Amino acid sequence: MPLYRETGVVLRTHKLGEADRIVTLLTRGRGLLRAVAKGVRRTSSKFGARLEPFMVADLQCYEGRTLDTITQAETLGAYGPAISSDYDRYRAGNVIVETAERLAEGGPSPELYALLVGALRTLAAARIDPDLVRDGYLLRAFAIAGWTPGFDECVRCGAAGPHTYVVVQLGGVLCENCRTPGSPRLDPGSIALLRALLAGDWETAVASSERERGQAAGIAAAYAQWHLERGLRSFGARRD
């Protein structure tokens, strides 16, 4: 059976038998990969800790009929312990990896892979609010996937902004003439925050207020769930 090497981010794991795990990864070259890691649940395993969620690893695998098997794993980014040790980072990380898995169903994307690694690195560093990291990842990931939200010009008529009415289903902001009845209106600072998150402008994002962050988070969550066509489980997940 042919051997191959890959780099991948561990998204989640499932127990298999008494000592094995099925590991779901987003890889740079193959996209979504599900592979068996044999014996990793034994205390004597040499690489079990390298295949936990949020870890980035260099892998050696061999192809199988149904599932490939991981034979070696070397850590490239040990983000798991730092993310899992903090409740807010853990919740944000789960939203990020669940979104990555759903978007990866379309096939390999080096851009989505790089964005995921960067988001987990930033989350583990704990210098930026986890919710900002999560919302920035969501907006930028959907932009890479082809659904770039518009927070400058009116998405209907193209009128120059700034505009403060936002309709997720239409893809962004609307001007006074184009807004529909019941269109939610955000604070100008919240629109500026959404633009900053989409651009990766962390200096502007960190300077935002709690109210602006709350409004932006609602739009980011609604935008993600609209395009995924079903809710993200991790938005309501709690850790025992």
C-alpha atoms as a PDB file:
ATOM      1  CA  MET A   1       0.000   0.000   0.000  1.00  0.00           C
ATOM      2  CA  PRO A   2       1.518   3.383  -1.007  1.00  0.00           C
ATOM      3  CA  LEU A   3       2.921   5.675   1.652  1.00  0.00           C
ATOM      4  CA  TYR A   4       2.509   9.447   1.519  1.00  0.00           C
ATOM      5  CA  ARG A   5       3.268  12.496   3.669  1.00  0.00           C
ATOM      6  CA  GLU A   6       0.915  15.348   4.498  1.00  0.00           C
ATOM      7  CA  THR A   7       0.578  18.259   6.890  1.00  0.00           C
ATOM      8  CA  GLY A   8      -2.757  18.583   8.618  1.00  0.00           C
ATOM      9  CA  VAL A   9      -4.792  20.155  11.409  1.00  0.00           C
ATOM     10  CA  VAL A  10      -6.674  17.795  13.707  1.00  0.00           C
ATOM     11  CA  LEU A  11     -10.333  18.824  13.684  1.00  0.00           C
ATOM     12  CA  ARG A  12     -11.809  16.058  15.829  1.00  0.00           C
ATOM     13  CA  THR A  13     -11.305  12.446  16.921  1.00  0.00           C
ATOM     14  CA  HIS A  14     -13.471   9.407  17.604  1.00  0.00           C
ATOM     15  CA  LYS A  15     -12.689   6.282  19.579  1.00  0.00           C
ATOM     16  CA  LEU A  16     -12.245   3.083  17.587  1.00  0.00           C
ATOM     17  CA  GLY A  17     -12.037  -0.236  19.385  1.00  0.00           C
ATOM     18  CA  GLU A  18     -10.072  -0.395  22.623  1.00  0.00           C
ATOM     19  CA  ALA A  19      -6.957   1.579  21.739  1.00  0.00           C
ATOM     20  CA  ASP A  20      -7.388   3.263  18.328  1.00  0.00           C
ATOM     21  CA  ARG A  21      -8.874   6.533  17.116  1.00  0.00           C
ATOM     22  CA  ILE A  22     -10.336   7.828  13.888  1.00  0.00           C
ATOM     23  CA  VAL A  23      -8.803  11.251  13.321  1.00  0.00           C
ATOM     24  CA  THR A  24     -10.457  13.865  11.096  1.00  0.00           C
ATOM     25  CA  LEU A  25      -7.979  16.374   9.674  1.00  0.00           C
ATOM     26  CA  LEU A  26      -7.883  19.262   7.276  1.00  0.00           C
ATOM     27  CA  THR A  27      -4.745  18.715   5.192  1.00  0.00           C
ATOM     28  CA  ARG A  28      -2.905  21.109   2.958  1.00  0.00           C
ATOM     29  CA  GLY A  29      -2.868  18.932  -0.163  1.00  0.00           C
ATOM     30  CA  ARG A  30      -5.729  16.445   0.197  1.00  0.00           C
ATOM     31  CA  GLY A  31      -8.367  18.526   1.911  1.00  0.00           C
ATOM     32  CA  LEU A  32     -10.486  16.615   4.399  1.00  0.00           C
ATOM     33  CA  LEU A  33      -8.875  13.370   5.565  1.00  0.00           C
ATOM     34  CA  ARG A  34     -10.172  10.699   7.944  1.00  0.00           C
ATOM     35  CA  ALA A  35      -7.549   8.218   9.031  1.00  0.00           C
ATOM     36  CA  VAL A  36      -6.982   5.602  11.732  1.00  0.00           C
ATOM     37  CA  ALA A  37      -4.329   6.169  14.382  1.00  0.00           C
ATOM     38  CA  LYS A  38      -3.600   2.768  15.889  1.00  0.00           C
ATOM     39  CA  GLY A  39      -2.824   2.401  19.578  1.00  0.00           C
ATOM     40  CA  VAL A  40      -2.900   6.139  20.337  1.00  0.00           C
ATOM     41  CA  ARG A  41      -5.153   5.701  23.372  1.00  0.00           C
ATOM     42  CA  ARG A  42      -2.578   3.551  25.144  1.00  0.00           C
ATOM     43  CA  THR A  43      -0.432   5.322  27.729  1.00  0.00           C
ATOM     44  CA  SER A  44       2.648   4.002  25.935  1.00  0.00           C
ATOM     45  CA  SER A  45       1.701   5.665  22.640  1.00  0.00           C
ATOM     46  CA  LYS A  46       4.484   7.891  21.305  1.00  0.00           C
ATOM     47  CA  PHE A  47       2.289  10.196  19.257  1.00  0.00           C
ATOM     48  CA  GLY A  48      -1.199  10.137  20.772  1.00  0.00           C
ATOM     49  CA  ALA A  49      -0.894  13.680  22.148  1.00  0.00           C
ATOM     50  CA  ARG A  50       0.157  14.913  18.712  1.00  0.00           C
ATOM     51  CA  LEU A  51      -3.208  13.878  17.270  1.00  0.00           C
ATOM     52  CA  GLU A  52      -5.543  15.795  19.553  1.00  0.00           C
ATOM     53  CA  PRO A  53      -7.902  18.553  18.308  1.00  0.00           C
ATOM     54  CA  PHE A  54      -6.287  21.877  17.335  1.00  0.00           C
ATOM     55  CA  MET A  55      -2.855  20.305  16.803  1.00  0.00           C
ATOM     56  CA  VAL A  56      -0.953  20.781  13.528  1.00  0.00           C
ATOM     57  CA  ALA A  57       1.160  17.804  12.497  1.00  0.00           C
ATOM     58  CA  ASP A  58       3.414  16.457   9.795  1.00  0.00           C
ATOM     59  CA  LEU A  59       2.034  13.011   8.988  1.00  0.00           C
ATOM     60  CA  GLN A  60       3.130   9.827   7.317  1.00  0.00           C
ATOM     61  CA  CYS A  61       0.199   7.691   6.196  1.00  0.00           C
ATOM     62  CA  TYR A  62      -0.489   4.700   4.043  1.00  0.00           C
ATOM     63  CA  GLU A  63      -3.556   4.299   1.916  1.00  0.00           C
ATOM     64  CA  GLY A  64      -6.209   1.765   2.859  1.00  0.00           C
ATOM     65  CA  ARG A  65      -9.339   0.472   1.189  1.00  0.00           C
ATOM     66  CA  THR A  66     -11.724   2.482   3.352  1.00  0.00           C
ATOM     67  CA  LEU A  67      -9.600   4.521   5.755  1.00  0.00           C
ATOM     68  CA  ASP A  68      -5.940   5.460   5.571  1.00  0.00           C
ATOM     69  CA  THR A  69      -3.669   4.762   8.539  1.00  0.00           C
ATOM     70  CA  ILE A  70      -1.386   7.259  10.253  1.00  0.00           C
ATOM     71  CA  THR A  71       1.995   5.676  10.936  1.00  0.00           C
ATOM     72  CA  GLN A  72       3.962   8.727  12.079  1.00  0.00           C
ATOM     73  CA  ALA A  73       3.097  12.184  13.402  1.00  0.00           C
ATOM     74  CA  GLU A  74       5.421  15.069  14.242  1.00  0.00           C
ATOM     75  CA  THR A  75       4.090  18.245  15.858  1.00  0.00           C
ATOM     76  CA  LEU A  76       4.278  21.435  13.807  1.00  0.00           C
ATOM     77  CA  GLY A  77       1.946  23.543  15.939  1.00  0.00           C
ATOM     78  CA  ALA A  78       1.119  22.545  19.521  1.00  0.00           C
ATOM     79  CA  TYR A  79      -1.990  24.706  19.868  1.00  0.00           C
ATOM     80  CA  GLY A  80      -4.238  22.118  21.516  1.00  0.00           C
ATOM     81  CA  PRO A  81      -3.217  22.498  25.193  1.00  0.00           C
ATOM     82  CA  ALA A  82      -3.452  26.311  25.211  1.00  0.00           C
ATOM     83  CA  ILE A  83      -6.846  26.330  23.468  1.00  0.00           C
ATOM     84  CA  SER A  84      -8.363  23.496  25.500  1.00  0.00           C
ATOM     85  CA  SER A  85      -7.232  24.950  28.848  1.00  0.00           C
ATOM     86  CA  ASP A  86      -9.492  28.018  28.523  1.00  0.00           C
ATOM     87  CA  TYR A  87     -13.271  27.778  28.163  1.00  0.00           C
ATOM     88  CA  ASP A  88     -13.698  30.781  25.846  1.00  0.00           C
ATOM     89  CA  ARG A  89     -10.802  29.766  23.597  1.00  0.00           C
ATOM     90  CA  TYR A  90     -12.106  26.196  23.537  1.00  0.00           C
ATOM     91  CA  ARG A  91     -15.583  27.278  22.418  1.00  0.00           C
ATOM     92  CA  ALA A  92     -14.167  29.583  19.749  1.00  0.00           C
ATOM     93  CA  GLY A  93     -11.809  26.846  18.571  1.00  0.00           C
ATOM     94  CA  ASN A  94     -14.666  24.394  18.177  1.00  0.00           C
ATOM     95  CA  VAL A  95     -16.614  26.833  16.012  1.00  0.00           C
ATOM     96  CA  ILE A  96     -13.505  27.379  13.886  1.00  0.00           C
ATOM     97  CA  VAL A  97     -12.704  23.700  13.297  1.00  0.00           C
ATOM     98  CA  GLU A  98     -16.345  22.758  12.681  1.00  0.00           C
ATOM     99  CA  THR A  99     -16.599  25.498  10.062  1.00  0.00           C
ATOM    100  CA  ALA A 100     -13.320  24.356   8.501  1.00  0.00           C
ATOM    101  CA  GLU A 101     -14.628  20.802   8.228  1.00  0.00           C
ATOM    102  CA  ARG A 102     -17.882  21.893   6.615  1.00  0.00           C
ATOM    103  CA  LEU A 103     -16.143  24.148   4.083  1.00  0.00           C
ATOM    104  CA  ALA A 104     -13.522  21.494   3.307  1.00  0.00           C
ATOM    105  CA  GLU A 105     -16.180  19.183   1.903  1.00  0.00           C
ATOM    106  CA  GLY A 106     -15.701  21.054  -1.375  1.00  0.00           C
ATOM    107  CA  GLY A 107     -12.129  19.767  -1.800  1.00  0.00           C
ATOM    108  CA  PRO A 108      -8.559  20.893  -1.035  1.00  0.00           C
ATOM    109  CA  SER A 109      -7.904  24.591  -0.501  1.00  0.00           C
ATOM    110  CA  PRO A 110      -4.421  25.748   0.553  1.00  0.00           C
ATOM    111  CA  GLU A 111      -5.908  29.157   1.406  1.00  0.00           C
ATOM    112  CA  LEU A 112      -8.461  27.690   3.827  1.00  0.00           C
ATOM    113  CA  TYR A 113      -5.758  25.498   5.358  1.00  0.00           C
ATOM    114  CA  ALA A 114      -3.434  28.466   5.914  1.00  0.00           C
ATOM    115  CA  LEU A 115      -6.278  30.551   7.372  1.00  0.00           C
ATOM    116  CA  LEU A 116      -7.170  27.758   9.809  1.00  0.00           C
ATOM    117  CA  VAL A 117      -3.586  27.356  11.016  1.00  0.00           C
ATOM    118  CA  GLY A 118      -3.288  31.114  11.478  1.00  0.00           C
ATOM    119  CA  ALA A 119      -6.554  31.316  13.429  1.00  0.00           C
ATOM    120  CA  LEU A 120      -5.545  28.519  15.806  1.00  0.00           C
ATOM    121  CA  ARG A 121      -2.095  30.055  16.298  1.00  0.00           C
ATOM    122  CA  THR A 122      -3.692  33.406  17.170  1.00  0.00           C
ATOM    123  CA  LEU A 123      -6.234  31.760  19.462  1.00  0.00           C
ATOM    124  CA  ALA A 124      -3.537  29.832  21.345  1.00  0.00           C
ATOM    125  CA  ALA A 125      -1.412  32.971  21.796  1.00  0.00           C
ATOM    126  CA  ALA A 126      -4.271  34.485  23.862  1.00  0.00           C
ATOM    127  CA  ARG A 127      -3.461  38.093  22.961  1.00  0.00           C
ATOM    128  CA  ILE A 128      -6.759  38.753  21.130  1.00  0.00           C
ATOM    129  CA  ASP A 129     -10.279  38.142  22.423  1.00  0.00           C
ATOM    130  CA  PRO A 130     -11.346  34.620  21.318  1.00  0.00           C
ATOM    131  CA  ASP A 131     -14.656  35.876  19.960  1.00  0.00           C
ATOM    132  CA  LEU A 132     -12.858  38.317  17.673  1.00  0.00           C
ATOM    133  CA  VAL A 133     -10.598  35.533  16.406  1.00  0.00           C
ATOM    134  CA  ARG A 134     -13.645  33.342  15.782  1.00  0.00           C
ATOM    135  CA  ASP A 135     -15.621  36.030  13.959  1.00  0.00           C
ATOM    136  CA  GLY A 136     -12.644  37.098  11.870  1.00  0.00           C
ATOM    137  CA  TYR A 137     -12.070  33.498  10.864  1.00  0.00           C
ATOM    138  CA  LEU A 138     -15.717  33.009   9.886  1.00  0.00           C
ATOM    139  CA  LEU A 139     -15.881  36.079   7.658  1.00  0.00           C
ATOM    140  CA  ARG A 140     -12.538  35.402   5.970  1.00  0.00           C
ATOM    141  CA  ALA A 141     -13.195  31.681   5.515  1.00  0.00           C
ATOM    142  CA  PHE A 142     -16.474  32.331   3.742  1.00  0.00           C
ATOM    143  CA  ALA A 143     -14.787  34.958   1.602  1.00  0.00           C
ATOM    144  CA  ILE A 144     -12.194  32.370   0.508  1.00  0.00           C
ATOM    145  CA  ALA A 145     -15.025  29.920  -0.183  1.00  0.00           C
ATOM    146  CA  GLY A 146     -16.606  32.441  -2.565  1.00  0.00           C
ATOM    147  CA  TRP A 147     -19.109  34.222  -0.314  1.00  0.00           C
ATOM    148  CA  THR A 148     -17.435  37.544   0.414  1.00  0.00           C
ATOM    149  CA  PRO A 149     -19.705  39.802   2.485  1.00  0.00           C
ATOM    150  CA  GLY A 150     -19.972  43.443   1.456  1.00  0.00           C
ATOM    151  CA  PHE A 151     -19.604  46.040   4.201  1.00  0.00           C
ATOM    152  CA  ASP A 152     -18.720  49.103   2.072  1.00  0.00           C
ATOM    153  CA  GLU A 153     -21.024  49.729  -0.916  1.00  0.00           C
ATOM    154  CA  CYS A 154     -24.727  48.840  -0.955  1.00  0.00           C
ATOM    155  CA  VAL A 155     -24.942  45.232  -2.150  1.00  0.00           C
ATOM    156  CA  ARG A 156     -28.048  46.049  -4.209  1.00  0.00           C
ATOM    157  CA  CYS A 157     -27.310  49.309  -6.021  1.00  0.00           C
ATOM    158  CA  GLY A 158     -23.615  49.838  -5.352  1.00  0.00           C
ATOM    159  CA  ALA A 159     -24.065  53.208  -3.635  1.00  0.00           C
ATOM    160  CA  ALA A 160     -20.967  54.217  -1.710  1.00  0.00           C
ATOM    161  CA  GLY A 161     -21.110  53.814   2.052  1.00  0.00           C
ATOM    162  CA  PRO A 162     -20.940  53.950   4.902  1.00  0.00           C
ATOM    163  CA  HIS A 163     -24.267  52.133   5.381  1.00  0.00           C
ATOM    164  CA  THR A 164     -25.584  50.632   8.591  1.00  0.00           C
ATOM    165  CA  TYR A 165     -28.414  48.348   7.452  1.00  0.00           C
ATOM    166  CA  VAL A 166     -27.312  44.724   7.109  1.00  0.00           C
ATOM    167  CA  VAL A 167     -29.210  41.846   5.488  1.00  0.00           C
ATOM    168  CA  VAL A 168     -27.279  38.587   5.731  1.00  0.00           C
ATOM    169  CA  GLN A 169     -29.373  36.879   3.063  1.00  0.00           C
ATOM    170  CA  LEU A 170     -28.401  39.586   0.544  1.00  0.00           C
ATOM    171  CA  GLY A 171     -24.726  39.475   1.452  1.00  0.00           C
ATOM    172  CA  GLY A 172     -24.031  42.705   3.305  1.00  0.00           C
ATOM    173  CA  VAL A 173     -25.025  46.334   3.820  1.00  0.00           C
ATOM    174  CA  LEU A 174     -27.917  48.208   2.207  1.00  0.00           C
ATOM    175  CA  CYS A 175     -28.437  51.925   1.679  1.00  0.00           C
ATOM    176  CA  GLU A 176     -31.511  53.840   2.840  1.00  0.00           C
ATOM    177  CA  ASN A 177     -33.185  53.452  -0.573  1.00  0.00           C
ATOM    178  CA  CYS A 178     -32.598  49.709  -0.849  1.00  0.00           C
ATOM    179  CA  ARG A 179     -33.216  48.587   2.707  1.00  0.00           C
ATOM    180  CA  THR A 180     -36.122  46.238   3.245  1.00  0.00           C
ATOM    181  CA  PRO A 181     -38.691  46.502   6.048  1.00  0.00           C
ATOM    182  CA  GLY A 182     -37.263  45.065   9.232  1.00  0.00           C
ATOM    183  CA  SER A 183     -33.646  45.289   8.070  1.00  0.00           C
ATOM    184  CA  PRO A 184     -31.446  45.289  11.188  1.00  0.00           C
ATOM    185  CA  ARG A 185     -29.512  48.494  11.734  1.00  0.00           C
ATOM    186  CA  LEU A 186     -26.084  48.338  13.351  1.00  0.00           C
ATOM    187  CA  ASP A 187     -23.966  51.010  14.978  1.00  0.00           C
ATOM    188  CA  PRO A 188     -21.432  52.560  12.569  1.00  0.00           C
ATOM    189  CA  GLY A 189     -18.643  51.188  14.764  1.00  0.00           C
ATOM    190  CA  SER A 190     -20.019  47.659  14.352  1.00  0.00           C
ATOM    191  CA  ILE A 191     -19.859  47.966  10.570  1.00  0.00           C
ATOM    192  CA  ALA A 192     -16.284  49.248  10.903  1.00  0.00           C
ATOM    193  CA  LEU A 193     -15.490  46.231  13.073  1.00  0.00           C
ATOM    194  CA  LEU A 194     -16.939  43.833  10.490  1.00  0.00           C
ATOM    195  CA  ARG A 195     -14.758  45.453   7.818  1.00  0.00           C
ATOM    196  CA  ALA A 196     -11.713  45.152  10.074  1.00  0.00           C
ATOM    197  CA  LEU A 197     -12.378  41.476  10.815  1.00  0.00           C
ATOM    198  CA  LEU A 198     -12.781  40.712   7.125  1.00  0.00           C
ATOM    199  CA  ALA A 199      -9.499  42.490   6.370  1.00  0.00           C
ATOM    200  CA  GLY A 200      -7.581  40.995   9.297  1.00  0.00           C
ATOM    201  CA  ASP A 201      -7.092  44.464  10.801  1.00  0.00           C
ATOM    202  CA  TRP A 202      -6.599  43.392  14.415  1.00  0.00           C
ATOM    203  CA  GLU A 203      -5.571  46.839  15.670  1.00  0.00           C
ATOM    204  CA  THR A 204      -8.997  48.234  14.758  1.00  0.00           C
ATOM    205  CA  ALA A 205     -10.791  45.115  15.961  1.00  0.00           C
ATOM    206  CA  VAL A 206      -9.157  45.133  19.397  1.00  0.00           C
ATOM    207  CA  ALA A 207     -10.120  48.800  19.881  1.00  0.00           C
ATOM    208  CA  SER A 208     -13.852  48.035  19.434  1.00  0.00           C
ATOM    209  CA  SER A 209     -16.444  48.242  22.211  1.00  0.00           C
ATOM    210  CA  GLU A 210     -18.377  45.359  23.751  1.00  0.00           C
ATOM    211  CA  ARG A 211     -21.586  46.509  22.048  1.00  0.00           C
ATOM    212  CA  GLU A 212     -19.861  46.629  18.655  1.00  0.00           C
ATOM    213  CA  ARG A 213     -18.397  43.169  19.191  1.00  0.00           C
ATOM    214  CA  GLY A 214     -21.786  41.771  20.137  1.00  0.00           C
ATOM    215  CA  GLN A 215     -23.460  43.182  17.026  1.00  0.00           C
ATOM    216  CA  ALA A 216     -20.640  42.007  14.761  1.00  0.00           C
ATOM    217  CA  ALA A 217     -20.700  38.537  16.319  1.00  0.00           C
ATOM    218  CA  GLY A 218     -24.405  38.218  15.572  1.00  0.00           C
ATOM    219  CA  ILE A 219     -23.841  39.070  11.910  1.00  0.00           C
ATOM    220  CA  ALA A 220     -20.866  36.701  11.583  1.00  0.00           C
ATOM    221  CA  ALA A 221     -22.826  33.830  13.128  1.00  0.00           C
ATOM    222  CA  ALA A 222     -25.906  34.487  10.981  1.00  0.00           C
ATOM    223  CA  TYR A 223     -23.775  34.747   7.838  1.00  0.00           C
ATOM    224  CA  ALA A 224     -22.088  31.419   8.567  1.00  0.00           C
ATOM    225  CA  GLN A 225     -25.302  29.600   9.305  1.00  0.00           C
ATOM    226  CA  TRP A 226     -27.045  31.061   6.243  1.00  0.00           C
ATOM    227  CA  HIS A 227     -24.371  29.793   3.866  1.00  0.00           C
ATOM    228  CA  LEU A 228     -23.919  26.433   5.579  1.00  0.00           C
ATOM    229  CA  GLU A 229     -27.702  25.956   5.389  1.00  0.00           C
ATOM    230  CA  ARG A 230     -27.797  24.442   8.862  1.00  0.00           C
ATOM    231  CA  GLY A 231     -26.581  25.599  12.238  1.00  0.00           C
ATOM    232  CA  LEU A 232     -23.124  25.096  13.658  1.00  0.00           C
ATOM    233  CA  ARG A 233     -23.358  22.720  16.615  1.00  0.00           C
ATOM    234  CA  SER A 234     -20.369  24.368  18.277  1.00  0.00           C
ATOM    235  CA  PHE A 235     -22.145  27.691  18.767  1.00  0.00           C
ATOM    236  CA  GLY A 236     -24.189  26.063  21.491  1.00  0.00           C
ATOM    237  CA  ALA A 237     -21.665  23.449  22.638  1.00  0.00           C
ATOM    238  CA  ARG A 238     -20.559  23.285  26.242  1.00  0.00           C
ATOM    239  CA  ARG A 239     -17.615  21.454  27.700  1.00  0.00           C
ATOM    240  CA  ASP A 240     -18.256  19.051  30.573  1.00  0.00           C
END
